Amino acid sequence: MRKTTSQYFPTKPHSSIHTYFNEYAKRHMSIIEYFKLIPEFNRISINDKIHLIINHFGTMIGLNETTNAPVDLNNLFVSLKNIFGIELVMDLLRSFDSLQKYAHDPILIKLLLIVRSLSSSINKNRFDIQMDGIYDDTKIIFDGQNVYVELLWRYILSRLPSERDAVKFFNKLILDLLFVMRVTFAMDYQIYSSPNEIAEMEPLMQSMWPKSNTNTI
């Protein structure tokens, strides 16, 4: 979650989904380690922790990358174009840009990451389980999210001259996040449509796309 002296990502252009996400695995582990430091996250059952990380994987990437180690834009563009095609890659880059506006404020990004991730919603294609039984205790998740929603709102109020400005800022923030969610959902669908690529991923990345109980995509 914090900027480091780590090498640029990706270190080379990729032409396949699995090599791209295998390189990303260490960066995703940094998100998991970060959440271990959050008391409200630690109160959640291990089953719900796993589902939260899986179900919000795409938006986690977008938010985490705004405060992570530097990105090699050329390698990133070539990799994403090779993997997802030009139409989706343009939307992905637009989603990165929409979050980059907030990169100067890591506290805001961290709060937004927690609020978004402590949500019982599902921003993924899930065919492996019944949707109505995906979480063990949504109340604990909701209670934890409420703590950080309040902190996020108070933080925004402290940074802006008036409540009116805070409302306008918050509205724009949500619109940007909804766009990121829409784009990552499309990315997720394309990955789920490539089971052979998922099979070649490292275990951590592979677990982000659980196997379906059906053959439907």
C-alpha atoms as a PDB file:
ATOM      1  CA  MET A   1       0.000   0.000   0.000  1.00  0.00           C
ATOM      2  CA  ARG A   2       2.920   2.401   0.212  1.00  0.00           C
ATOM      3  CA  LYS A   3       5.386   3.627  -2.349  1.00  0.00           C
ATOM      4  CA  THR A   4       8.688   1.777  -2.241  1.00  0.00           C
ATOM      5  CA  THR A   5      11.923   1.574  -4.175  1.00  0.00           C
ATOM      6  CA  SER A   6      10.689  -1.605  -5.865  1.00  0.00           C
ATOM      7  CA  GLN A   7      11.258  -2.064  -9.575  1.00  0.00           C
ATOM      8  CA  TYR A   8       8.754  -0.796 -12.064  1.00  0.00           C
ATOM      9  CA  PHE A   9       5.729  -2.907 -12.928  1.00  0.00           C
ATOM     10  CA  PRO A  10       5.469  -4.671 -15.232  1.00  0.00           C
ATOM     11  CA  THR A  11       9.162  -5.332 -15.760  1.00  0.00           C
ATOM     12  CA  LYS A  12       8.528  -6.478 -19.329  1.00  0.00           C
ATOM     13  CA  PRO A  13       5.691  -6.620 -21.865  1.00  0.00           C
ATOM     14  CA  HIS A  14       3.427  -9.641 -21.405  1.00  0.00           C
ATOM     15  CA  SER A  15       1.448 -11.468 -24.050  1.00  0.00           C
ATOM     16  CA  SER A  16      -0.578 -13.777 -21.797  1.00  0.00           C
ATOM     17  CA  ILE A  17      -2.907 -13.330 -18.826  1.00  0.00           C
ATOM     18  CA  HIS A  18      -1.080 -15.749 -16.576  1.00  0.00           C
ATOM     19  CA  THR A  19       2.401 -14.250 -16.938  1.00  0.00           C
ATOM     20  CA  TYR A  20       1.039 -10.753 -16.273  1.00  0.00           C
ATOM     21  CA  PHE A  21      -0.785 -11.744 -13.083  1.00  0.00           C
ATOM     22  CA  ASN A  22       2.027 -14.014 -11.923  1.00  0.00           C
ATOM     23  CA  GLU A  23       4.280 -10.960 -11.928  1.00  0.00           C
ATOM     24  CA  TYR A  24       1.571  -8.995 -10.133  1.00  0.00           C
ATOM     25  CA  ALA A  25       1.278 -11.618  -7.342  1.00  0.00           C
ATOM     26  CA  LYS A  26       3.806  -9.948  -5.008  1.00  0.00           C
ATOM     27  CA  ARG A  27       1.995  -6.635  -5.280  1.00  0.00           C
ATOM     28  CA  HIS A  28      -1.319  -8.274  -4.468  1.00  0.00           C
ATOM     29  CA  MET A  29       0.257  -9.872  -1.413  1.00  0.00           C
ATOM     30  CA  SER A  30       1.009  -6.347  -0.153  1.00  0.00           C
ATOM     31  CA  ILE A  31      -2.753  -5.661  -0.072  1.00  0.00           C
ATOM     32  CA  ILE A  32      -3.398  -8.808   1.951  1.00  0.00           C
ATOM     33  CA  GLU A  33      -0.642  -7.888   4.419  1.00  0.00           C
ATOM     34  CA  TYR A  34      -2.113  -4.400   4.717  1.00  0.00           C
ATOM     35  CA  PHE A  35      -5.565  -5.729   5.594  1.00  0.00           C
ATOM     36  CA  LYS A  36      -4.067  -7.847   8.371  1.00  0.00           C
ATOM     37  CA  LEU A  37      -3.303  -4.558  10.147  1.00  0.00           C
ATOM     38  CA  ILE A  38      -6.971  -3.466  10.158  1.00  0.00           C
ATOM     39  CA  PRO A  39      -8.843  -4.466  13.375  1.00  0.00           C
ATOM     40  CA  GLU A  40     -12.270  -4.507  11.685  1.00  0.00           C
ATOM     41  CA  PHE A  41     -10.963  -6.862   9.012  1.00  0.00           C
ATOM     42  CA  ASN A  42      -9.483  -9.194  11.613  1.00  0.00           C
ATOM     43  CA  ARG A  43     -12.877  -9.577  13.300  1.00  0.00           C
ATOM     44  CA  ILE A  44     -14.299 -11.113  10.141  1.00  0.00           C
ATOM     45  CA  SER A  45     -14.324 -14.898   9.688  1.00  0.00           C
ATOM     46  CA  ILE A  46     -11.588 -16.407   7.530  1.00  0.00           C
ATOM     47  CA  ASN A  47     -14.215 -17.512   4.993  1.00  0.00           C
ATOM     48  CA  ASP A  48     -15.549 -13.965   4.668  1.00  0.00           C
ATOM     49  CA  LYS A  49     -12.020 -12.514   4.469  1.00  0.00           C
ATOM     50  CA  ILE A  50     -11.265 -14.784   1.520  1.00  0.00           C
ATOM     51  CA  HIS A  51     -14.494 -13.873  -0.251  1.00  0.00           C
ATOM     52  CA  LEU A  52     -13.982 -10.141   0.295  1.00  0.00           C
ATOM     53  CA  ILE A  53     -10.508 -10.267  -1.236  1.00  0.00           C
ATOM     54  CA  ILE A  54     -11.699 -12.350  -4.183  1.00  0.00           C
ATOM     55  CA  ASN A  55     -14.874 -10.362  -4.823  1.00  0.00           C
ATOM     56  CA  HIS A  56     -13.160  -6.962  -4.838  1.00  0.00           C
ATOM     57  CA  PHE A  57      -9.927  -7.996  -6.533  1.00  0.00           C
ATOM     58  CA  GLY A  58     -10.282  -5.661  -9.527  1.00  0.00           C
ATOM     59  CA  THR A  59     -10.971  -2.471  -7.581  1.00  0.00           C
ATOM     60  CA  MET A  60      -8.281  -3.427  -5.085  1.00  0.00           C
ATOM     61  CA  ILE A  61      -5.753  -3.439  -7.935  1.00  0.00           C
ATOM     62  CA  GLY A  62      -6.833  -0.028  -9.188  1.00  0.00           C
ATOM     63  CA  LEU A  63      -6.727   1.609  -5.756  1.00  0.00           C
ATOM     64  CA  ASN A  64      -3.540  -0.123  -4.630  1.00  0.00           C
ATOM     65  CA  GLU A  65      -1.640   0.851  -7.766  1.00  0.00           C
ATOM     66  CA  THR A  66      -2.120   4.567  -7.076  1.00  0.00           C
ATOM     67  CA  THR A  67       0.131   4.264  -4.006  1.00  0.00           C
ATOM     68  CA  ASN A  68       2.291   1.319  -5.026  1.00  0.00           C
ATOM     69  CA  ALA A  69       5.709   1.183  -6.656  1.00  0.00           C
ATOM     70  CA  PRO A  70       6.120   2.973 -10.033  1.00  0.00           C
ATOM     71  CA  VAL A  71       4.416   1.628 -13.145  1.00  0.00           C
ATOM     72  CA  ASP A  72       6.176   1.258 -16.499  1.00  0.00           C
ATOM     73  CA  LEU A  73       3.482   2.792 -18.682  1.00  0.00           C
ATOM     74  CA  ASN A  74       4.870   1.421 -21.939  1.00  0.00           C
ATOM     75  CA  ASN A  75       5.108  -2.156 -20.648  1.00  0.00           C
ATOM     76  CA  LEU A  76       1.699  -1.780 -19.012  1.00  0.00           C
ATOM     77  CA  PHE A  77       0.012  -0.536 -22.185  1.00  0.00           C
ATOM     78  CA  VAL A  78       1.597  -3.223 -24.390  1.00  0.00           C
ATOM     79  CA  SER A  79       0.773  -5.967 -21.875  1.00  0.00           C
ATOM     80  CA  LEU A  80      -2.849  -4.935 -21.437  1.00  0.00           C
ATOM     81  CA  LYS A  81      -3.345  -4.451 -25.188  1.00  0.00           C
ATOM     82  CA  ASN A  82      -1.906  -7.924 -25.883  1.00  0.00           C
ATOM     83  CA  ILE A  83      -4.092  -9.502 -23.222  1.00  0.00           C
ATOM     84  CA  PHE A  84      -7.399  -7.634 -23.431  1.00  0.00           C
ATOM     85  CA  GLY A  85      -7.458  -5.879 -26.796  1.00  0.00           C
ATOM     86  CA  ILE A  86      -7.430  -2.200 -27.625  1.00  0.00           C
ATOM     87  CA  GLU A  87     -11.043  -1.351 -26.690  1.00  0.00           C
ATOM     88  CA  LEU A  88     -10.847  -2.703 -23.156  1.00  0.00           C
ATOM     89  CA  VAL A  89      -7.303  -1.451 -22.622  1.00  0.00           C
ATOM     90  CA  MET A  90      -8.400   2.114 -23.358  1.00  0.00           C
ATOM     91  CA  ASP A  91     -11.103   1.817 -20.708  1.00  0.00           C
ATOM     92  CA  LEU A  92      -8.589   0.296 -18.272  1.00  0.00           C
ATOM     93  CA  LEU A  93      -6.180   3.173 -18.804  1.00  0.00           C
ATOM     94  CA  ARG A  94      -9.024   5.665 -18.353  1.00  0.00           C
ATOM     95  CA  SER A  95      -9.925   3.953 -15.078  1.00  0.00           C
ATOM     96  CA  PHE A  96      -6.300   4.231 -13.926  1.00  0.00           C
ATOM     97  CA  ASP A  97      -6.295   7.918 -14.821  1.00  0.00           C
ATOM     98  CA  SER A  98      -9.543   8.517 -12.937  1.00  0.00           C
ATOM     99  CA  LEU A  99      -7.936   7.216  -9.736  1.00  0.00           C
ATOM    100  CA  GLN A 100      -4.570   8.833 -10.359  1.00  0.00           C
ATOM    101  CA  LYS A 101      -6.172  12.217  -9.610  1.00  0.00           C
ATOM    102  CA  TYR A 102      -6.267  11.134  -5.966  1.00  0.00           C
ATOM    103  CA  ALA A 103      -2.741   9.671  -5.814  1.00  0.00           C
ATOM    104  CA  HIS A 104      -1.380  12.765  -4.041  1.00  0.00           C
ATOM    105  CA  ASP A 105      -3.492  11.817  -0.990  1.00  0.00           C
ATOM    106  CA  PRO A 106      -2.540   8.289   0.180  1.00  0.00           C
ATOM    107  CA  ILE A 107      -4.724   8.560   3.294  1.00  0.00           C
ATOM    108  CA  LEU A 108      -7.791   9.094   1.110  1.00  0.00           C
ATOM    109  CA  ILE A 109      -6.832   6.118  -1.072  1.00  0.00           C
ATOM    110  CA  LYS A 110      -6.301   3.860   1.944  1.00  0.00           C
ATOM    111  CA  LEU A 111      -9.652   4.808   3.436  1.00  0.00           C
ATOM    112  CA  LEU A 112     -11.405   4.294   0.111  1.00  0.00           C
ATOM    113  CA  LEU A 113      -9.722   0.907  -0.331  1.00  0.00           C
ATOM    114  CA  ILE A 114     -10.961  -0.223   3.073  1.00  0.00           C
ATOM    115  CA  VAL A 115     -14.499   1.094   2.542  1.00  0.00           C
ATOM    116  CA  ARG A 116     -14.755  -0.547  -0.868  1.00  0.00           C
ATOM    117  CA  SER A 117     -13.279  -3.845   0.263  1.00  0.00           C
ATOM    118  CA  LEU A 118     -15.395  -4.091   3.421  1.00  0.00           C
ATOM    119  CA  SER A 119     -18.511  -4.470   1.327  1.00  0.00           C
ATOM    120  CA  SER A 120     -20.766  -7.495   0.981  1.00  0.00           C
ATOM    121  CA  SER A 121     -21.364  -6.637  -2.653  1.00  0.00           C
ATOM    122  CA  ILE A 122     -19.777  -8.714  -5.422  1.00  0.00           C
ATOM    123  CA  ASN A 123     -17.833  -7.029  -8.209  1.00  0.00           C
ATOM    124  CA  LYS A 124     -16.916 -10.259  -9.972  1.00  0.00           C
ATOM    125  CA  ASN A 125     -18.401 -13.014 -12.070  1.00  0.00           C
ATOM    126  CA  ARG A 126     -18.968 -15.805  -9.570  1.00  0.00           C
ATOM    127  CA  PHE A 127     -20.229 -19.207 -10.741  1.00  0.00           C
ATOM    128  CA  ASP A 128     -18.650 -21.334  -8.027  1.00  0.00           C
ATOM    129  CA  ILE A 129     -21.151 -20.659  -5.206  1.00  0.00           C
ATOM    130  CA  GLN A 130     -24.687 -19.562  -4.470  1.00  0.00           C
ATOM    131  CA  MET A 131     -24.801 -15.768  -4.308  1.00  0.00           C
ATOM    132  CA  ASP A 132     -27.246 -15.582  -1.397  1.00  0.00           C
ATOM    133  CA  GLY A 133     -24.941 -17.619   0.830  1.00  0.00           C
ATOM    134  CA  ILE A 134     -21.598 -16.144  -0.045  1.00  0.00           C
ATOM    135  CA  TYR A 135     -20.871 -14.438   3.309  1.00  0.00           C
ATOM    136  CA  ASP A 136     -21.178 -15.907   6.798  1.00  0.00           C
ATOM    137  CA  ASP A 137     -21.930 -12.643   8.615  1.00  0.00           C
ATOM    138  CA  THR A 138     -22.762  -9.559   6.583  1.00  0.00           C
ATOM    139  CA  LYS A 139     -23.500  -7.563   9.752  1.00  0.00           C
ATOM    140  CA  ILE A 140     -19.879  -7.738  10.926  1.00  0.00           C
ATOM    141  CA  ILE A 141     -18.733  -6.659   7.465  1.00  0.00           C
ATOM    142  CA  PHE A 142     -21.263  -3.801   7.399  1.00  0.00           C
ATOM    143  CA  ASP A 143     -20.326  -2.645  10.909  1.00  0.00           C
ATOM    144  CA  GLY A 144     -16.654  -2.558   9.954  1.00  0.00           C
ATOM    145  CA  GLN A 145     -17.403  -0.663   6.759  1.00  0.00           C
ATOM    146  CA  ASN A 146     -19.459   1.921   8.669  1.00  0.00           C
ATOM    147  CA  VAL A 147     -16.449   2.794  10.819  1.00  0.00           C
ATOM    148  CA  TYR A 148     -14.388   3.665   7.747  1.00  0.00           C
ATOM    149  CA  VAL A 149     -17.223   5.378   5.883  1.00  0.00           C
ATOM    150  CA  GLU A 150     -17.447   7.771   8.826  1.00  0.00           C
ATOM    151  CA  LEU A 151     -13.670   8.236   8.852  1.00  0.00           C
ATOM    152  CA  LEU A 152     -13.642   8.807   5.096  1.00  0.00           C
ATOM    153  CA  TRP A 153     -16.376  11.436   5.294  1.00  0.00           C
ATOM    154  CA  ARG A 154     -14.732  13.236   8.222  1.00  0.00           C
ATOM    155  CA  TYR A 155     -11.402  13.186   6.416  1.00  0.00           C
ATOM    156  CA  ILE A 156     -12.926  14.697   3.260  1.00  0.00           C
ATOM    157  CA  LEU A 157     -14.637  17.393   5.361  1.00  0.00           C
ATOM    158  CA  SER A 158     -11.304  18.232   6.994  1.00  0.00           C
ATOM    159  CA  ARG A 159      -9.624  18.708   3.626  1.00  0.00           C
ATOM    160  CA  LEU A 160     -12.221  20.944   1.972  1.00  0.00           C
ATOM    161  CA  PRO A 161     -13.491  24.441   2.789  1.00  0.00           C
ATOM    162  CA  SER A 162     -17.181  23.578   3.137  1.00  0.00           C
ATOM    163  CA  GLU A 163     -19.663  20.732   3.417  1.00  0.00           C
ATOM    164  CA  ARG A 164     -20.977  21.618  -0.035  1.00  0.00           C
ATOM    165  CA  ASP A 165     -17.489  21.147  -1.493  1.00  0.00           C
ATOM    166  CA  ALA A 166     -17.182  17.871   0.389  1.00  0.00           C
ATOM    167  CA  VAL A 167     -20.460  16.574  -1.085  1.00  0.00           C
ATOM    168  CA  LYS A 168     -19.369  17.516  -4.620  1.00  0.00           C
ATOM    169  CA  PHE A 169     -15.980  15.878  -4.102  1.00  0.00           C
ATOM    170  CA  PHE A 170     -17.537  12.730  -2.648  1.00  0.00           C
ATOM    171  CA  ASN A 171     -19.989  12.495  -5.541  1.00  0.00           C
ATOM    172  CA  LYS A 172     -17.153  12.707  -8.086  1.00  0.00           C
ATOM    173  CA  LEU A 173     -15.146  10.154  -6.123  1.00  0.00           C
ATOM    174  CA  ILE A 174     -18.032   7.666  -6.230  1.00  0.00           C
ATOM    175  CA  LEU A 175     -18.583   8.225  -9.957  1.00  0.00           C
ATOM    176  CA  ASP A 176     -14.896   7.550 -10.635  1.00  0.00           C
ATOM    177  CA  LEU A 177     -15.009   4.419  -8.507  1.00  0.00           C
ATOM    178  CA  LEU A 178     -18.138   3.139 -10.274  1.00  0.00           C
ATOM    179  CA  PHE A 179     -16.363   3.525 -13.605  1.00  0.00           C
ATOM    180  CA  VAL A 180     -13.385   1.547 -12.287  1.00  0.00           C
ATOM    181  CA  MET A 181     -15.754  -1.164 -11.055  1.00  0.00           C
ATOM    182  CA  ARG A 182     -17.475  -1.413 -14.447  1.00  0.00           C
ATOM    183  CA  VAL A 183     -14.185  -1.730 -16.306  1.00  0.00           C
ATOM    184  CA  THR A 184     -12.697  -4.293 -13.931  1.00  0.00           C
ATOM    185  CA  PHE A 185     -15.893  -6.339 -14.179  1.00  0.00           C
ATOM    186  CA  ALA A 186     -15.387  -6.530 -17.960  1.00  0.00           C
ATOM    187  CA  MET A 187     -11.736  -7.487 -17.424  1.00  0.00           C
ATOM    188  CA  ASP A 188     -12.770 -10.163 -14.961  1.00  0.00           C
ATOM    189  CA  TYR A 189     -15.288 -11.639 -17.426  1.00  0.00           C
ATOM    190  CA  GLN A 190     -12.602 -11.937 -20.089  1.00  0.00           C
ATOM    191  CA  ILE A 191     -10.227 -13.675 -17.694  1.00  0.00           C
ATOM    192  CA  TYR A 192     -12.925 -16.100 -16.560  1.00  0.00           C
ATOM    193  CA  SER A 193     -13.460 -16.927 -20.230  1.00  0.00           C
ATOM    194  CA  SER A 194      -9.835 -18.156 -20.414  1.00  0.00           C
ATOM    195  CA  PRO A 195      -9.699 -21.159 -18.026  1.00  0.00           C
ATOM    196  CA  ASN A 196      -6.423 -22.407 -19.490  1.00  0.00           C
ATOM    197  CA  GLU A 197      -4.775 -19.111 -18.569  1.00  0.00           C
ATOM    198  CA  ILE A 198      -6.144 -19.298 -15.016  1.00  0.00           C
ATOM    199  CA  ALA A 199      -4.729 -22.818 -14.702  1.00  0.00           C
ATOM    200  CA  GLU A 200      -1.233 -21.448 -15.442  1.00  0.00           C
ATOM    201  CA  MET A 201      -1.365 -18.811 -12.696  1.00  0.00           C
ATOM    202  CA  GLU A 202       0.447 -19.051  -9.389  1.00  0.00           C
ATOM    203  CA  PRO A 203      -1.814 -20.328  -6.566  1.00  0.00           C
ATOM    204  CA  LEU A 204      -2.522 -16.886  -5.068  1.00  0.00           C
ATOM    205  CA  MET A 205      -3.610 -15.417  -8.391  1.00  0.00           C
ATOM    206  CA  GLN A 206      -5.442 -18.581  -9.412  1.00  0.00           C
ATOM    207  CA  SER A 207      -7.518 -18.361  -6.231  1.00  0.00           C
ATOM    208  CA  MET A 208      -8.885 -14.991  -7.362  1.00  0.00           C
ATOM    209  CA  TRP A 209     -10.901 -16.859 -10.012  1.00  0.00           C
ATOM    210  CA  PRO A 210     -12.452 -19.881  -8.253  1.00  0.00           C
ATOM    211  CA  LYS A 211     -13.409 -22.792 -10.445  1.00  0.00           C
ATOM    212  CA  SER A 212     -17.015 -22.867 -11.528  1.00  0.00           C
ATOM    213  CA  ASN A 213     -19.388 -25.669 -10.553  1.00  0.00           C
ATOM    214  CA  THR A 214     -20.867 -25.306 -14.011  1.00  0.00           C
ATOM    215  CA  ASN A 215     -19.505 -24.849 -17.485  1.00  0.00           C
ATOM    216  CA  THR A 216     -21.365 -21.576 -17.931  1.00  0.00           C
ATOM    217  CA  ILE A 217     -19.395 -18.357 -18.373  1.00  0.00           C
END
